[in-house]
Amino acid sequence: MGIELTVLALGCILGVVQIFVAAQLATRQYGLSWGLSPRDAAVPPPAPLVGRLTRARANFLETFPIAATAILMVEFAGLNNQWTAIGAVVWLTARVLYVPVYALGIPGLRSALFATSIVGIAMLLWQVLT
């Protein structure tokens, strides 16, 4: 198995962790009965940390399908090389660092890490498109 598929598997784990942590913090804020409910009732705004981790999770879930597709295209087309490996690692590293940076509320660095993750995806897609 190439590094790109390993990165994809680790990205799946990152996604599950983000989903779990955001849900646990929201349940801690709003209570277990809310967590077990269909969540139809209005609730107060989330605490800053809950909101940030929820938004970080949403951002990950918006970009993960693109990264996963790029990795799978590289893998299935046999286009793996040092640049696709680097691109995959850049994407994952930026996504891992994005979570605590967003949780801490560091806006400029958060945006830079998001942009870096997009560069990693671009490195993967470049190999597919050229």
N, C-alpha and C. Protein backbone atom coordinates (compact mmCIF):
# COMPACT_ATOMS: atom_id res chain seq x y z
N MET A 1 0.85 -1.18 0.00
CA MET A 1 0.00 0.00 0.00
C MET A 1 0.89 1.23 0.00
N GLY A 2 0.57 2.17 -0.87
CA GLY A 2 1.35 3.39 -0.97
C GLY A 2 1.04 4.37 0.15
N ILE A 3 1.90 5.36 0.27
CA ILE A 3 1.73 6.36 1.31
C ILE A 3 0.41 7.12 1.14
N GLU A 4 0.00 7.29 -0.13
CA GLU A 4 -1.24 8.03 -0.37
C GLU A 4 -2.45 7.33 0.27
N LEU A 5 -2.52 6.00 0.15
CA LEU A 5 -3.63 5.28 0.77
C LEU A 5 -3.51 5.26 2.29
N THR A 6 -2.30 5.23 2.80
CA THR A 6 -2.11 5.33 4.25
C THR A 6 -2.61 6.68 4.75
N VAL A 7 -2.28 7.72 4.01
CA VAL A 7 -2.76 9.06 4.36
C VAL A 7 -4.28 9.10 4.30
N LEU A 8 -4.87 8.47 3.31
CA LEU A 8 -6.32 8.45 3.20
C LEU A 8 -6.94 7.75 4.41
N ALA A 9 -6.37 6.64 4.83
CA ALA A 9 -6.87 5.93 6.01
C ALA A 9 -6.73 6.81 7.26
N LEU A 10 -5.61 7.48 7.40
CA LEU A 10 -5.41 8.37 8.54
C LEU A 10 -6.38 9.55 8.48
N GLY A 11 -6.67 10.02 7.27
CA GLY A 11 -7.66 11.08 7.11
C GLY A 11 -9.05 10.63 7.56
N CYS A 12 -9.38 9.38 7.28
CA CYS A 12 -10.66 8.83 7.76
C CYS A 12 -10.69 8.83 9.28
N ILE A 13 -9.59 8.44 9.90
CA ILE A 13 -9.53 8.45 11.37
C ILE A 13 -9.66 9.87 11.90
N LEU A 14 -8.98 10.81 11.26
CA LEU A 14 -9.09 12.22 11.66
C LEU A 14 -10.54 12.68 11.59
N GLY A 15 -11.24 12.31 10.53
CA GLY A 15 -12.64 12.70 10.39
C GLY A 15 -13.50 12.13 11.50
N VAL A 16 -13.31 10.87 11.82
CA VAL A 16 -14.09 10.24 12.89
C VAL A 16 -13.80 10.93 14.23
N VAL A 17 -12.53 11.23 14.48
CA VAL A 17 -12.17 11.90 15.74
C VAL A 17 -12.83 13.27 15.81
N GLN A 18 -12.80 14.02 14.71
CA GLN A 18 -13.42 15.34 14.71
C GLN A 18 -14.92 15.25 14.94
N ILE A 19 -15.57 14.30 14.32
CA ILE A 19 -17.02 14.12 14.52
C ILE A 19 -17.29 13.81 15.98
N PHE A 20 -16.55 12.87 16.55
CA PHE A 20 -16.76 12.45 17.93
C PHE A 20 -16.52 13.59 18.91
N VAL A 21 -15.40 14.28 18.78
CA VAL A 21 -15.06 15.35 19.73
C VAL A 21 -16.08 16.48 19.67
N ALA A 22 -16.45 16.91 18.48
CA ALA A 22 -17.43 17.99 18.36
C ALA A 22 -18.77 17.57 18.96
N ALA A 23 -19.19 16.34 18.71
CA ALA A 23 -20.46 15.86 19.25
C ALA A 23 -20.40 15.76 20.77
N GLN A 24 -19.30 15.28 21.31
CA GLN A 24 -19.17 15.15 22.76
C GLN A 24 -19.20 16.52 23.45
N LEU A 25 -18.52 17.48 22.87
CA LEU A 25 -18.51 18.82 23.47
C LEU A 25 -19.88 19.48 23.38
N ALA A 26 -20.57 19.28 22.27
CA ALA A 26 -21.93 19.83 22.14
C ALA A 26 -22.86 19.18 23.15
N THR A 27 -22.76 17.88 23.31
CA THR A 27 -23.60 17.18 24.29
C THR A 27 -23.26 17.63 25.70
N ARG A 28 -21.99 17.86 25.96
CA ARG A 28 -21.60 18.36 27.29
C ARG A 28 -22.22 19.74 27.55
N GLN A 29 -22.27 20.59 26.51
CA GLN A 29 -22.84 21.92 26.70
C GLN A 29 -24.36 21.87 26.83
N TYR A 30 -25.03 21.11 25.97
CA TYR A 30 -26.49 21.14 25.92
C TYR A 30 -27.16 20.05 26.74
N GLY A 31 -26.40 19.06 27.16
CA GLY A 31 -26.96 18.00 28.00
C GLY A 31 -27.23 16.73 27.22
N LEU A 32 -27.26 15.62 27.97
CA LEU A 32 -27.46 14.30 27.37
C LEU A 32 -28.84 14.17 26.73
N SER A 33 -29.87 14.76 27.36
CA SER A 33 -31.22 14.64 26.77
C SER A 33 -31.25 15.31 25.40
N TRP A 34 -30.54 16.42 25.24
CA TRP A 34 -30.45 17.06 23.93
C TRP A 34 -29.69 16.14 22.97
N GLY A 35 -28.58 15.57 23.45
CA GLY A 35 -27.77 14.70 22.60
C GLY A 35 -28.52 13.49 22.09
N LEU A 36 -29.47 13.01 22.88
CA LEU A 36 -30.25 11.83 22.48
C LEU A 36 -31.54 12.19 21.75
N SER A 37 -31.84 13.48 21.68
CA SER A 37 -33.09 13.93 21.07
C SER A 37 -32.93 14.12 19.57
N PRO A 38 -34.04 14.39 18.86
CA PRO A 38 -33.94 14.71 17.43
C PRO A 38 -33.45 16.14 17.20
N ARG A 39 -33.20 16.86 18.28
CA ARG A 39 -32.62 18.22 18.24
C ARG A 39 -33.49 19.21 17.49
N ASP A 40 -34.79 19.12 17.73
CA ASP A 40 -35.73 20.05 17.10
C ASP A 40 -35.86 21.36 17.87
N ALA A 41 -35.62 21.32 19.18
CA ALA A 41 -35.78 22.51 20.01
C ALA A 41 -34.64 23.48 19.78
N ALA A 42 -34.95 24.75 19.90
CA ALA A 42 -33.92 25.78 19.78
C ALA A 42 -32.98 25.69 20.98
N VAL A 43 -31.72 25.95 20.73
CA VAL A 43 -30.72 25.94 21.80
C VAL A 43 -29.94 27.25 21.74
N PRO A 44 -29.32 27.62 22.85
CA PRO A 44 -28.48 28.83 22.80
C PRO A 44 -27.29 28.61 21.89
N PRO A 45 -26.65 29.68 21.49
CA PRO A 45 -25.45 29.53 20.63
C PRO A 45 -24.42 28.64 21.32
N PRO A 46 -23.63 27.94 20.53
CA PRO A 46 -22.60 27.09 21.14
C PRO A 46 -21.53 27.93 21.82
N ALA A 47 -20.92 27.34 22.83
CA ALA A 47 -19.76 27.97 23.46
C ALA A 47 -18.68 28.12 22.39
N PRO A 48 -17.77 29.06 22.55
CA PRO A 48 -16.76 29.28 21.51
C PRO A 48 -16.03 28.01 21.08
N LEU A 49 -15.56 27.20 22.01
CA LEU A 49 -14.83 25.99 21.63
C LEU A 49 -15.72 25.01 20.88
N VAL A 50 -16.95 24.85 21.34
CA VAL A 50 -17.89 23.95 20.66
C VAL A 50 -18.13 24.44 19.24
N GLY A 51 -18.36 25.72 19.09
CA GLY A 51 -18.58 26.29 17.76
C GLY A 51 -17.39 26.13 16.84
N ARG A 52 -16.20 26.37 17.38
CA ARG A 52 -14.99 26.26 16.55
C ARG A 52 -14.75 24.83 16.09
N LEU A 53 -14.91 23.87 17.02
CA LEU A 53 -14.67 22.48 16.64
C LEU A 53 -15.77 21.96 15.72
N THR A 54 -16.98 22.46 15.87
CA THR A 54 -18.05 22.09 14.95
C THR A 54 -17.77 22.64 13.55
N ARG A 55 -17.29 23.88 13.49
CA ARG A 55 -16.96 24.46 12.18
C ARG A 55 -15.73 23.80 11.57
N ALA A 56 -14.75 23.43 12.40
CA ALA A 56 -13.57 22.72 11.89
C ALA A 56 -13.99 21.38 11.31
N ARG A 57 -14.89 20.69 11.99
CA ARG A 57 -15.40 19.41 11.49
C ARG A 57 -16.13 19.61 10.16
N ALA A 58 -16.98 20.61 10.10
CA ALA A 58 -17.71 20.89 8.85
C ALA A 58 -16.74 21.20 7.72
N ASN A 59 -15.71 21.98 8.00
CA ASN A 59 -14.73 22.32 6.98
C ASN A 59 -14.01 21.06 6.50
N PHE A 60 -13.66 20.18 7.43
CA PHE A 60 -13.01 18.93 7.05
C PHE A 60 -13.94 18.11 6.15
N LEU A 61 -15.20 18.00 6.55
CA LEU A 61 -16.14 17.19 5.79
C LEU A 61 -16.45 17.77 4.41
N GLU A 62 -16.25 19.07 4.24
CA GLU A 62 -16.43 19.69 2.93
C GLU A 62 -15.26 19.40 2.00
N THR A 63 -14.06 19.30 2.55
CA THR A 63 -12.87 19.12 1.70
C THR A 63 -12.39 17.68 1.61
N PHE A 64 -12.75 16.84 2.59
CA PHE A 64 -12.27 15.46 2.59
C PHE A 64 -12.66 14.70 1.32
N PRO A 65 -13.89 14.82 0.82
CA PRO A 65 -14.22 14.07 -0.41
C PRO A 65 -13.33 14.44 -1.60
N ILE A 66 -12.92 15.69 -1.65
CA ILE A 66 -12.05 16.13 -2.75
C ILE A 66 -10.68 15.50 -2.60
N ALA A 67 -10.13 15.53 -1.39
CA ALA A 67 -8.82 14.92 -1.15
C ALA A 67 -8.89 13.42 -1.38
N ALA A 68 -9.93 12.78 -0.88
CA ALA A 68 -10.06 11.33 -1.05
C ALA A 68 -10.16 10.96 -2.52
N THR A 69 -10.93 11.72 -3.27
CA THR A 69 -11.06 11.46 -4.70
C THR A 69 -9.74 11.63 -5.41
N ALA A 70 -9.01 12.69 -5.07
CA ALA A 70 -7.70 12.93 -5.69
C ALA A 70 -6.74 11.78 -5.38
N ILE A 71 -6.73 11.34 -4.14
CA ILE A 71 -5.85 10.22 -3.75
C ILE A 71 -6.24 8.95 -4.49
N LEU A 72 -7.52 8.68 -4.57
CA LEU A 72 -7.97 7.47 -5.25
C LEU A 72 -7.69 7.52 -6.75
N MET A 73 -7.83 8.69 -7.36
CA MET A 73 -7.49 8.81 -8.79
C MET A 73 -6.01 8.52 -9.01
N VAL A 74 -5.16 9.08 -8.16
CA VAL A 74 -3.71 8.83 -8.27
C VAL A 74 -3.44 7.34 -8.12
N GLU A 75 -4.06 6.74 -7.13
CA GLU A 75 -3.82 5.33 -6.84
C GLU A 75 -4.30 4.43 -7.99
N PHE A 76 -5.53 4.64 -8.43
CA PHE A 76 -6.09 3.77 -9.47
C PHE A 76 -5.42 3.96 -10.82
N ALA A 77 -4.94 5.17 -11.09
CA ALA A 77 -4.26 5.42 -12.35
C ALA A 77 -2.77 5.05 -12.29
N GLY A 78 -2.30 4.66 -11.12
CA GLY A 78 -0.89 4.30 -10.99
C GLY A 78 0.04 5.49 -11.15
N LEU A 79 -0.41 6.65 -10.73
CA LEU A 79 0.37 7.88 -10.90
C LEU A 79 1.17 8.24 -9.64
N ASN A 80 1.28 7.34 -8.71
CA ASN A 80 2.01 7.60 -7.47
C ASN A 80 3.45 7.96 -7.78
N ASN A 81 3.92 9.02 -7.14
CA ASN A 81 5.32 9.39 -7.21
C ASN A 81 5.65 10.21 -5.98
N GLN A 82 6.85 10.75 -5.92
CA GLN A 82 7.23 11.50 -4.72
C GLN A 82 6.33 12.71 -4.51
N TRP A 83 5.85 13.32 -5.59
CA TRP A 83 5.01 14.52 -5.47
C TRP A 83 3.61 14.19 -4.96
N THR A 84 3.07 13.06 -5.38
CA THR A 84 1.75 12.69 -4.86
C THR A 84 1.87 12.30 -3.38
N ALA A 85 2.96 11.65 -3.02
CA ALA A 85 3.18 11.30 -1.61
C ALA A 85 3.32 12.57 -0.77
N ILE A 86 4.10 13.51 -1.26
CA ILE A 86 4.28 14.78 -0.54
C ILE A 86 2.95 15.52 -0.47
N GLY A 87 2.24 15.57 -1.57
CA GLY A 87 0.94 16.26 -1.57
C GLY A 87 -0.03 15.67 -0.56
N ALA A 88 -0.09 14.35 -0.50
CA ALA A 88 -0.98 13.69 0.46
C ALA A 88 -0.56 14.01 1.89
N VAL A 89 0.74 13.96 2.17
CA VAL A 89 1.22 14.24 3.52
C VAL A 89 1.00 15.71 3.88
N VAL A 90 1.21 16.61 2.92
CA VAL A 90 0.95 18.03 3.16
C VAL A 90 -0.51 18.24 3.51
N TRP A 91 -1.41 17.62 2.74
CA TRP A 91 -2.84 17.75 3.02
C TRP A 91 -3.16 17.28 4.43
N LEU A 92 -2.72 16.08 4.78
CA LEU A 92 -3.05 15.52 6.09
C LEU A 92 -2.43 16.32 7.22
N THR A 93 -1.18 16.70 7.08
CA THR A 93 -0.51 17.47 8.13
C THR A 93 -1.23 18.79 8.37
N ALA A 94 -1.59 19.47 7.29
CA ALA A 94 -2.30 20.74 7.43
C ALA A 94 -3.66 20.54 8.10
N ARG A 95 -4.35 19.45 7.75
CA ARG A 95 -5.66 19.18 8.35
C ARG A 95 -5.54 18.84 9.83
N VAL A 96 -4.51 18.10 10.20
CA VAL A 96 -4.30 17.76 11.62
C VAL A 96 -3.99 19.03 12.41
N LEU A 97 -3.12 19.88 11.89
CA LEU A 97 -2.76 21.12 12.59
C LEU A 97 -3.91 22.11 12.63
N TYR A 98 -4.78 22.07 11.63
CA TYR A 98 -5.91 22.98 11.53
C TYR A 98 -6.82 22.90 12.76
N VAL A 99 -7.03 21.69 13.26
CA VAL A 99 -7.99 21.49 14.36
C VAL A 99 -7.57 22.25 15.62
N PRO A 100 -6.38 22.03 16.18
CA PRO A 100 -6.05 22.78 17.40
C PRO A 100 -5.88 24.28 17.15
N VAL A 101 -5.41 24.64 15.96
CA VAL A 101 -5.25 26.07 15.67
C VAL A 101 -6.62 26.74 15.63
N TYR A 102 -7.60 26.09 15.02
CA TYR A 102 -8.95 26.65 15.00
C TYR A 102 -9.54 26.64 16.41
N ALA A 103 -9.33 25.58 17.16
CA ALA A 103 -9.85 25.50 18.52
C ALA A 103 -9.30 26.64 19.39
N LEU A 104 -8.06 27.00 19.16
CA LEU A 104 -7.43 28.09 19.92
C LEU A 104 -7.83 29.46 19.38
N GLY A 105 -8.48 29.52 18.24
CA GLY A 105 -8.95 30.79 17.69
C GLY A 105 -7.86 31.63 17.05
N ILE A 106 -6.92 30.99 16.37
CA ILE A 106 -5.82 31.72 15.71
C ILE A 106 -6.20 31.89 14.23
N PRO A 107 -6.83 33.03 13.88
CA PRO A 107 -7.42 33.15 12.54
C PRO A 107 -6.44 33.13 11.38
N GLY A 108 -5.35 33.86 11.42
CA GLY A 108 -4.43 33.90 10.28
C GLY A 108 -3.79 32.56 10.01
N LEU A 109 -3.36 31.89 11.06
CA LEU A 109 -2.73 30.59 10.92
C LEU A 109 -3.73 29.55 10.45
N ARG A 110 -4.96 29.65 10.97
CA ARG A 110 -6.02 28.73 10.53
C ARG A 110 -6.21 28.84 9.02
N SER A 111 -6.30 30.05 8.52
CA SER A 111 -6.49 30.25 7.08
C SER A 111 -5.29 29.75 6.29
N ALA A 112 -4.08 29.96 6.80
CA ALA A 112 -2.87 29.49 6.12
C ALA A 112 -2.85 27.96 6.07
N LEU A 113 -3.28 27.31 7.14
CA LEU A 113 -3.31 25.85 7.14
C LEU A 113 -4.36 25.32 6.18
N PHE A 114 -5.50 26.00 6.10
CA PHE A 114 -6.51 25.60 5.12
C PHE A 114 -5.93 25.71 3.72
N ALA A 115 -5.29 26.83 3.43
CA ALA A 115 -4.69 27.02 2.11
C ALA A 115 -3.62 25.97 1.83
N THR A 116 -2.84 25.63 2.83
CA THR A 116 -1.81 24.60 2.67
C THR A 116 -2.44 23.26 2.34
N SER A 117 -3.56 22.93 2.98
CA SER A 117 -4.23 21.66 2.67
C SER A 117 -4.71 21.65 1.22
N ILE A 118 -5.14 22.79 0.72
CA ILE A 118 -5.57 22.89 -0.68
C ILE A 118 -4.38 22.71 -1.61
N VAL A 119 -3.23 23.22 -1.22
CA VAL A 119 -2.01 23.02 -2.01
C VAL A 119 -1.70 21.52 -2.09
N GLY A 120 -1.84 20.82 -0.98
CA GLY A 120 -1.62 19.38 -0.99
C GLY A 120 -2.55 18.66 -1.96
N ILE A 121 -3.82 19.06 -1.97
CA ILE A 121 -4.78 18.48 -2.92
C ILE A 121 -4.37 18.82 -4.35
N ALA A 122 -3.95 20.05 -4.56
CA ALA A 122 -3.52 20.48 -5.91
C ALA A 122 -2.32 19.66 -6.38
N MET A 123 -1.41 19.33 -5.47
CA MET A 123 -0.25 18.52 -5.85
C MET A 123 -0.69 17.13 -6.33
N LEU A 124 -1.72 16.61 -5.70
CA LEU A 124 -2.25 15.31 -6.13
C LEU A 124 -2.92 15.44 -7.49
N LEU A 125 -3.77 16.45 -7.63
CA LEU A 125 -4.51 16.61 -8.88
C LEU A 125 -3.61 16.97 -10.05
N TRP A 126 -2.52 17.65 -9.77
CA TRP A 126 -1.59 18.01 -10.84
C TRP A 126 -1.08 16.78 -11.57
N GLN A 127 -0.80 15.73 -10.82
CA GLN A 127 -0.31 14.49 -11.41
C GLN A 127 -1.38 13.82 -12.27
N VAL A 128 -2.63 14.00 -11.89
CA VAL A 128 -3.73 13.40 -12.66
C VAL A 128 -3.97 14.19 -13.94
N LEU A 129 -3.84 15.50 -13.87
CA LEU A 129 -4.22 16.37 -14.98
C LEU A 129 -3.09 16.66 -15.96
N THR A 130 -1.85 16.26 -15.62
CA THR A 130 -0.75 16.55 -16.55
C THR A 130 -0.18 15.31 -17.17
